[in-house]
Every structure is written in structure tokens, then in C-alpha cells.
Amino acid sequence: MSVTDHGLETFDGVFVCGAMRSGTTMFRLMLDTHGQIANPGEVDFLFDFLRPDPSHPTGWRYDLDALQVDRIFRSKKLQIRQGLEGLDLLADFLAQFQARTPDKILSFNLHHNLARAVRILPAAKMIHMLRDPRDVARSSVPMGWAARPYYGIDHWIATETSWQQAETLADPARVHTLRYETLFRDMDRELKAVCGFIGVDYNPAMLTYHERSSYAPPDPKLVEQWRHKCSDYDIALVEGKAGDLMRACGYAPTGAGHVPRGVEALKLKVEQKLYLWRFGMKRYGRTLFWSEKLSRLFKLRGANTRIRLRMNDIHQAQLK
């Protein structure tokens, strides 16, 4: 049984590939407002829990236990059909999404495992969305992901490293690069190019996404906020960690960058750990937060699953 047996080799949907906080959610709302495109949001679970497994007829198998606890998977209300657990299940998930909007082009957002997506779905179109990593790092702090931009840059590095691997596998004709900065500076031109790449006519209604969501209308002031919202020290730390990758992605560092060592590095690490603990306790409550950690530490699988599901509900209720 091969990928072709499930039609995955010819699946020609569209994936928006970019780091979190790079504008992918706003952009997916634009696509979803087009009229001919349906984008139900993030679907990293499609590939995060899919493992190579030579013993399965498709060569891949889902970790179903982990998949069923995943917050995003649960929010999509997909069914796991009995007897499906490999690429056959992936194909069925895609079919379930398509059945919800049968007359529209499917589009999804991905943040990681991008090479895996390209390998399994070679006919899919990939929109690589880029944003200045200093802005990505800065905006990650209020999300509770990092104490300061130095750690907020890590997920951008992971996504762009994953993209570099994916790009070597992808058909160049099926790749379109979209920069956050150029999108905000000339939305009509950039969205027309995106629509042409997807194969649909441009619809100005894409710019009305804010009328149907909690997101604000497009504002060019969101471009390069790091210049006046980040300290020189934070910028130096980010550029010291990601300078080479920044250059490869077309973003020039302002200086040589700074790499913390010794006591300074330890201080940053402790600051990060304490920040994550404080944020987690504030979001979930002390009891739930520490119960999850202890149940995971002592491998109390059933208890940990129940706790994580409660945490998922809290997180989902707080999403914008």
C-alpha cells in the first residue's frame, strides 16, 4: 500500500508554512474570507504524531494516544475511523476537511515538520510566510512562551530550519514566498500574487477578515516594531543566536550580535524557567499546573491525560 493508493500523492491543497507570530493566523483569515478557499487553521497534528513505521502497510503510523490528547486536533472535531492508523488515516482526515467545504480549495497552516509534509504530499502548494525574526521573538513574550526575545526566537529558528529542509524537496513551481513586511506595505499587490499562485481570482473581500473575527484590520505600523519595542541588549541576544539564519532569510542583523556565556547564560536560563512556571500557574492555577508536571514525572498516564484535557479546555477558552 503506497501514498498513491490513498490519493495523497495528487493532493493539491495549499499549506501556509511559517513560524507562529509571523502573521500566519491573520493570513489564513484572509484566505478563508476569499470565497473559493477554505482554511480551517493550524493542522500540525497531521504530521506531528505521524511516525515512520515499516511494519505498517503505508510505511507510517500515528501515535493515536498522543494525537487524541492534542488540543488543536480536538478542536477540529475530526473522527478517527476504526482500522485507520497510517497514511490511510491522514487521507481520511483530509477527506473530512474537504467534505465540510466541498466546493472550495483546501488550505491549512503548518509551523513544523514541513519536510515531512512535502514528502508525503508532493503535489501540494506551499506558501512560505516570513516575518522579521526580531518581531517574532518580541511578540512571543506576551504569549507566555518566553521571558524575553532571546528565547522567543527559538520557535522561529525551528520553523525556518524545517523549511530549509522542505524547500530542498519541494517543486519550486509549487512554492511561493510571502513576507509579512511586504504584505502590509502593499496588500492588494501581494494578495493578487497569492491568488494567482493558488489559481483563483483576487477577491478584495480578503481585506475584510477583521469584520468576522477578533483580529484587528491590517495596520502597517505592525511592521518592524522591534526597532522601538526591543532593547539593544535583547536585539543583540536575538541576533547572536539567529544571525546566520536571519541573513539566509533576507533579514540583515544590526550588529555582530551577542552570545551569552557562563553566569549570564545561566541567569537567562533560570529567568526563562521561572517565567514559564509563573505564566503556567497564572493560566491554569497552581494545582492543575503542578499536577500535570508530577503526573508526567511519575508516569501516571491516565491522570496526566485527564489533566491535559482540562488544561486544553482552559487554553482554548482563552484563545483570541
Protein backbone atom coordinates (compact mmCIF):
# COMPACT_ATOMS: atom_id res chain seq x y z
CA MET A 1 0.00 0.00 0.00
CA SER A 2 1.53 3.35 -1.02
CA VAL A 3 0.83 7.05 -0.79
CA THR A 4 -0.69 6.83 -4.26
CA ASP A 5 -3.26 4.30 -3.06
CA HIS A 6 -4.78 6.99 -0.87
CA GLY A 7 -4.57 9.83 -3.39
CA LEU A 8 -2.11 11.74 -1.20
CA GLU A 9 0.43 11.97 -4.00
CA THR A 10 -2.01 14.09 -6.01
CA PHE A 11 -3.48 16.15 -3.16
CA ASP A 12 -3.12 19.74 -4.39
CA GLY A 13 -4.25 21.76 -1.40
CA VAL A 14 -2.33 24.75 -0.07
CA PHE A 15 -0.19 24.89 3.08
CA VAL A 16 0.80 28.17 4.71
CA CYS A 17 4.19 27.41 6.26
CA GLY A 18 5.61 29.84 8.78
CA ALA A 19 6.58 30.39 12.37
CA MET A 20 3.98 31.24 14.97
CA ARG A 21 3.62 35.03 15.42
CA SER A 22 4.67 35.56 11.79
CA GLY A 23 1.19 36.57 10.62
CA THR A 24 0.01 33.12 9.60
CA THR A 25 -3.28 33.37 11.52
CA MET A 26 -4.15 36.76 10.06
CA PHE A 27 -3.25 35.49 6.59
CA ARG A 28 -5.33 32.35 6.98
CA LEU A 29 -8.32 34.56 7.90
CA MET A 30 -7.73 36.47 4.66
CA LEU A 31 -7.72 33.22 2.70
CA ASP A 32 -10.81 31.95 4.48
CA THR A 33 -12.65 35.15 3.55
CA HIS A 34 -11.86 34.77 -0.15
CA GLY A 35 -14.96 32.72 -1.00
CA GLN A 36 -13.24 29.99 -3.00
CA ILE A 37 -10.73 28.98 -0.35
CA ALA A 38 -11.31 27.25 2.98
CA ASN A 39 -8.64 27.44 5.67
CA PRO A 40 -9.63 25.84 9.00
CA GLY A 41 -6.35 26.94 10.62
CA GLU A 42 -3.46 25.03 12.18
CA VAL A 43 -3.13 21.32 11.44
CA ASP A 44 0.35 20.48 12.72
CA PHE A 45 -1.15 17.39 14.33
CA LEU A 46 -1.48 15.86 10.85
CA PHE A 47 2.30 15.33 10.82
CA ASP A 48 3.44 15.79 14.44
CA PHE A 49 2.08 12.41 15.51
CA LEU A 50 2.84 10.53 12.30
CA ARG A 51 5.86 8.24 12.68
CA PRO A 52 7.78 6.16 10.12
CA ASP A 53 6.82 2.53 10.69
CA PRO A 54 7.95 -0.17 8.21
CA SER A 55 5.54 -2.63 9.84
CA HIS A 56 2.52 -0.63 8.68
CA PRO A 57 1.40 -1.14 5.06
CA THR A 58 1.69 2.61 4.34
CA GLY A 59 5.11 2.92 6.00
CA TRP A 60 3.75 5.37 8.57
CA ARG A 61 1.69 5.09 11.72
CA TYR A 62 0.01 7.63 14.01
CA ASP A 63 0.62 7.76 17.74
CA LEU A 64 -3.12 7.70 18.37
CA ASP A 65 -2.87 8.13 22.13
CA ALA A 66 -0.89 11.36 21.80
CA LEU A 67 -3.00 12.57 18.88
CA GLN A 68 -6.26 12.27 20.79
CA VAL A 69 -4.98 14.47 23.62
CA ASP A 70 -3.68 17.20 21.31
CA ARG A 71 -5.59 20.45 21.83
CA ILE A 72 -5.67 21.50 18.17
CA PHE A 73 -6.74 18.06 16.97
CA ARG A 74 -9.61 18.00 19.45
CA SER A 75 -10.74 21.47 18.38
CA LYS A 76 -11.12 20.32 14.75
CA LYS A 77 -13.74 17.65 15.65
CA LEU A 78 -12.26 15.04 13.31
CA GLN A 79 -13.22 11.39 13.58
CA ILE A 80 -10.67 8.58 13.84
CA ARG A 81 -12.21 5.83 11.72
CA GLN A 82 -11.81 2.32 13.05
CA GLY A 83 -8.99 0.41 11.37
CA LEU A 84 -7.20 3.52 10.06
CA GLU A 85 -3.89 4.45 11.66
CA GLY A 86 -1.33 5.29 8.94
CA LEU A 87 -1.40 7.36 5.77
CA ASP A 88 -4.88 5.97 5.26
CA LEU A 89 -5.93 7.97 8.32
CA LEU A 90 -4.20 11.11 7.03
CA ALA A 91 -6.09 10.75 3.76
CA ASP A 92 -9.32 10.34 5.68
CA PHE A 93 -8.65 13.46 7.76
CA LEU A 94 -8.12 15.46 4.57
CA ALA A 95 -11.31 13.98 3.12
CA GLN A 96 -13.24 15.01 6.25
CA PHE A 97 -11.98 18.58 5.90
CA GLN A 98 -12.90 18.62 2.21
CA ALA A 99 -16.38 17.29 2.93
CA ARG A 100 -17.06 20.34 5.11
CA THR A 101 -16.38 22.71 2.21
CA PRO A 102 -16.71 20.53 -0.91
CA ASP A 103 -16.60 23.37 -3.43
CA LYS A 104 -13.56 25.18 -2.04
CA ILE A 105 -9.79 24.82 -2.28
CA LEU A 106 -8.38 23.49 0.97
CA SER A 107 -5.69 25.49 2.73
CA PHE A 108 -4.00 24.79 6.07
CA ASN A 109 -1.41 26.34 8.36
CA LEU A 110 1.75 24.46 9.38
CA HIS A 111 4.54 25.51 11.72
CA HIS A 112 6.81 22.46 11.84
CA ASN A 113 7.53 19.06 10.26
CA LEU A 114 7.41 20.86 6.92
CA ALA A 115 9.75 18.45 5.13
CA ARG A 116 7.51 15.57 6.17
CA ALA A 117 4.51 17.36 4.70
CA VAL A 118 6.27 17.93 1.38
CA ARG A 119 7.49 14.35 1.23
CA ILE A 120 4.04 12.87 1.80
CA LEU A 121 2.08 15.47 -0.20
CA PRO A 122 4.40 16.39 -3.11
CA ALA A 123 1.63 17.97 -5.22
CA ALA A 124 0.54 20.40 -2.50
CA LYS A 125 1.33 24.10 -2.89
CA MET A 126 3.43 25.74 -0.17
CA ILE A 127 3.21 29.40 0.79
CA HIS A 128 6.29 30.20 2.86
CA MET A 129 5.39 33.10 5.15
CA LEU A 130 8.29 35.05 6.61
CA ARG A 131 8.41 37.79 9.22
CA ASP A 132 11.40 39.60 10.69
CA PRO A 133 12.52 37.22 13.44
CA ARG A 134 13.11 40.09 15.84
CA ASP A 135 9.39 40.88 15.67
CA VAL A 136 8.51 37.20 16.00
CA ALA A 137 10.73 36.92 19.09
CA ARG A 138 9.39 40.12 20.64
CA SER A 139 5.72 39.18 20.14
CA SER A 140 6.30 35.71 21.64
CA VAL A 141 6.90 37.16 25.11
CA PRO A 142 3.31 38.25 25.92
CA MET A 143 2.09 34.86 24.65
CA GLY A 144 3.78 33.23 27.63
CA TRP A 145 6.30 31.35 25.52
CA ALA A 146 9.42 33.22 26.58
CA ALA A 147 10.70 35.52 29.29
CA ARG A 148 12.47 37.65 26.71
CA PRO A 149 13.10 37.65 22.92
CA TYR A 150 16.27 35.57 23.39
CA TYR A 151 14.07 32.52 23.98
CA GLY A 152 11.19 33.82 21.85
CA ILE A 153 13.34 33.34 18.75
CA ASP A 154 13.71 29.58 19.26
CA HIS A 155 10.47 28.51 17.55
CA TRP A 156 11.28 30.78 14.56
CA ILE A 157 14.65 29.06 14.23
CA ALA A 158 12.98 25.64 14.39
CA THR A 159 10.38 26.53 11.74
CA GLU A 160 12.85 28.10 9.31
CA THR A 161 15.29 25.22 9.73
CA SER A 162 12.42 22.86 8.96
CA TRP A 163 11.53 24.97 5.94
CA GLN A 164 15.10 24.84 4.59
CA GLN A 165 14.81 21.04 4.61
CA ALA A 166 11.37 21.12 3.00
CA GLU A 167 12.47 23.50 0.26
CA THR A 168 15.09 21.04 -0.98
CA LEU A 169 12.26 18.52 -1.57
CA ALA A 170 9.59 20.82 -2.95
CA ASP A 171 8.91 21.58 -6.62
CA PRO A 172 9.94 25.27 -6.98
CA ALA A 173 6.83 25.87 -9.09
CA ARG A 174 4.73 24.91 -6.07
CA VAL A 175 6.41 27.33 -3.66
CA HIS A 176 5.50 30.98 -3.09
CA THR A 177 7.27 33.22 -0.57
CA LEU A 178 5.22 35.86 1.23
CA ARG A 179 6.87 38.35 3.55
CA TYR A 180 4.86 39.90 6.35
CA GLU A 181 6.51 43.27 5.73
CA THR A 182 5.73 43.44 2.01
CA LEU A 183 2.20 42.15 2.59
CA PHE A 184 1.42 45.01 4.98
CA ARG A 185 3.03 47.61 2.75
CA ASP A 186 1.13 46.63 -0.42
CA MET A 187 -1.72 44.25 0.37
CA ASP A 188 -3.50 44.41 -2.97
CA ARG A 189 -0.37 43.52 -4.94
CA GLU A 190 0.74 40.77 -2.60
CA LEU A 191 -2.70 39.15 -2.29
CA LYS A 192 -3.17 39.24 -6.06
CA ALA A 193 0.13 37.35 -6.39
CA VAL A 194 -1.02 34.81 -3.78
CA CYS A 195 -4.33 34.29 -5.54
CA GLY A 196 -2.56 33.81 -8.86
CA PHE A 197 -0.31 31.21 -7.27
CA ILE A 198 -3.30 29.34 -5.84
CA GLY A 199 -5.21 29.61 -9.11
CA VAL A 200 -8.14 31.87 -8.19
CA ASP A 201 -9.07 35.46 -8.94
CA TYR A 202 -8.26 38.09 -6.35
CA ASN A 203 -11.19 39.00 -4.10
CA PRO A 204 -10.94 42.37 -2.24
CA ALA A 205 -13.17 40.82 0.45
CA MET A 206 -9.97 39.21 1.77
CA LEU A 207 -9.21 42.54 3.44
CA THR A 208 -12.45 42.42 5.44
CA TYR A 209 -11.35 39.46 7.58
CA HIS A 210 -11.48 41.64 10.72
CA GLU A 211 -15.24 42.04 10.33
CA ARG A 212 -15.69 38.31 11.00
CA SER A 213 -13.02 37.76 13.64
CA SER A 214 -11.49 39.25 16.78
CA TYR A 215 -8.42 40.33 14.80
CA ALA A 216 -7.81 44.00 14.04
CA PRO A 217 -7.74 45.34 10.47
CA PRO A 218 -4.36 45.42 8.72
CA ASP A 219 -2.05 48.09 10.14
CA PRO A 220 1.35 48.90 8.54
CA LYS A 221 2.52 50.08 11.98
CA LEU A 222 2.88 46.41 12.93
CA VAL A 223 5.93 46.18 10.66
CA GLU A 224 9.35 46.33 12.34
CA GLN A 225 8.05 47.07 15.82
CA TRP A 226 11.24 45.60 17.23
CA ARG A 227 13.04 48.84 16.32
CA HIS A 228 11.25 50.75 19.09
CA LYS A 229 9.95 47.97 21.36
CA CYS A 230 13.12 45.92 21.92
CA SER A 231 16.14 46.97 23.96
CA ASP A 232 19.57 47.00 22.33
CA TYR A 233 20.52 44.12 24.63
CA ASP A 234 17.58 41.95 23.52
CA ILE A 235 18.27 42.68 19.85
CA ALA A 236 21.92 41.72 20.32
CA LEU A 237 20.92 38.46 22.02
CA VAL A 238 18.49 37.52 19.23
CA GLU A 239 20.99 38.36 16.51
CA GLY A 240 23.70 36.44 18.31
CA LYS A 241 21.54 33.33 18.35
CA ALA A 242 19.94 33.58 14.89
CA GLY A 243 22.22 35.86 12.87
CA ASP A 244 23.24 33.36 10.18
CA LEU A 245 19.68 32.13 9.63
CA MET A 246 18.42 35.72 9.58
CA ARG A 247 20.79 36.54 6.75
CA ALA A 248 19.76 33.40 4.86
CA CYS A 249 16.13 34.53 5.14
CA GLY A 250 16.89 38.06 3.94
CA TYR A 251 16.95 39.92 7.27
CA ALA A 252 20.17 41.80 8.00
CA PRO A 253 21.35 41.93 11.62
CA THR A 254 22.04 45.39 13.02
CA GLY A 255 25.38 44.35 14.50
CA ALA A 256 27.62 41.46 15.40
CA GLY A 257 25.21 40.01 17.93
CA HIS A 258 25.92 38.84 21.45
CA VAL A 259 26.23 35.25 22.67
CA PRO A 260 25.78 34.90 26.45
CA ARG A 261 28.13 32.59 28.31
CA GLY A 262 28.80 31.42 31.83
CA VAL A 263 26.85 33.19 34.59
CA GLU A 264 24.98 35.36 32.08
CA ALA A 265 23.71 32.30 30.18
CA LEU A 266 22.70 30.59 33.42
CA LYS A 267 20.84 33.71 34.56
CA LEU A 268 18.88 33.82 31.30
CA LYS A 269 18.04 30.14 31.61
CA VAL A 270 16.75 30.50 35.18
CA GLU A 271 14.79 33.61 34.19
CA GLN A 272 13.13 31.64 31.39
CA LYS A 273 12.21 28.69 33.62
CA LEU A 274 10.72 30.91 36.33
CA TYR A 275 8.76 32.90 33.77
CA LEU A 276 7.23 29.78 32.26
CA TRP A 277 6.28 28.47 35.69
CA ARG A 278 4.66 31.76 36.71
CA PHE A 279 2.78 32.05 33.44
CA GLY A 280 1.61 28.43 33.61
CA MET A 281 0.36 28.80 37.18
CA LYS A 282 -1.45 32.01 36.28
CA ARG A 283 -3.15 30.41 33.29
CA TYR A 284 -4.06 27.01 34.74
CA GLY A 285 -3.88 27.56 38.51
CA ARG A 286 -1.17 26.21 40.78
CA THR A 287 -2.86 22.87 41.49
CA LEU A 288 -3.54 21.95 37.88
CA PHE A 289 -0.16 23.20 36.66
CA TRP A 290 1.91 21.20 39.15
CA SER A 291 -0.38 18.16 38.96
CA GLU A 292 0.40 17.90 35.25
CA LYS A 293 4.14 18.04 35.88
CA LEU A 294 4.05 15.50 38.71
CA SER A 295 1.77 13.05 36.86
CA ARG A 296 4.13 13.22 33.88
CA LEU A 297 7.20 12.79 36.10
CA PHE A 298 5.78 9.70 37.81
CA LYS A 299 4.35 8.37 34.52
CA LEU A 300 0.74 8.38 35.71
CA ARG A 301 -0.57 8.20 32.19
CA GLY A 302 -4.30 8.17 32.87
CA ALA A 303 -4.13 11.05 35.35
CA ASN A 304 -1.86 13.05 33.05
CA THR A 305 -4.26 12.62 30.14
CA ARG A 306 -7.22 13.84 32.20
CA ILE A 307 -5.24 16.83 33.46
CA ARG A 308 -4.04 17.78 29.98
CA LEU A 309 -7.59 17.67 28.65
CA ARG A 310 -8.67 20.09 31.39
CA MET A 311 -5.72 22.34 30.53
CA ASN A 312 -6.68 22.18 26.86
CA ASP A 313 -10.17 23.43 27.67
CA ILE A 314 -8.75 26.36 29.65
CA HIS A 315 -6.30 27.23 26.89
CA GLN A 316 -8.96 27.00 24.19
CA ALA A 317 -11.27 29.32 26.12
CA GLN A 318 -8.52 31.96 26.32
CA LEU A 319 -7.60 31.97 22.64
CA LYS A 320 -8.19 35.13 20.64
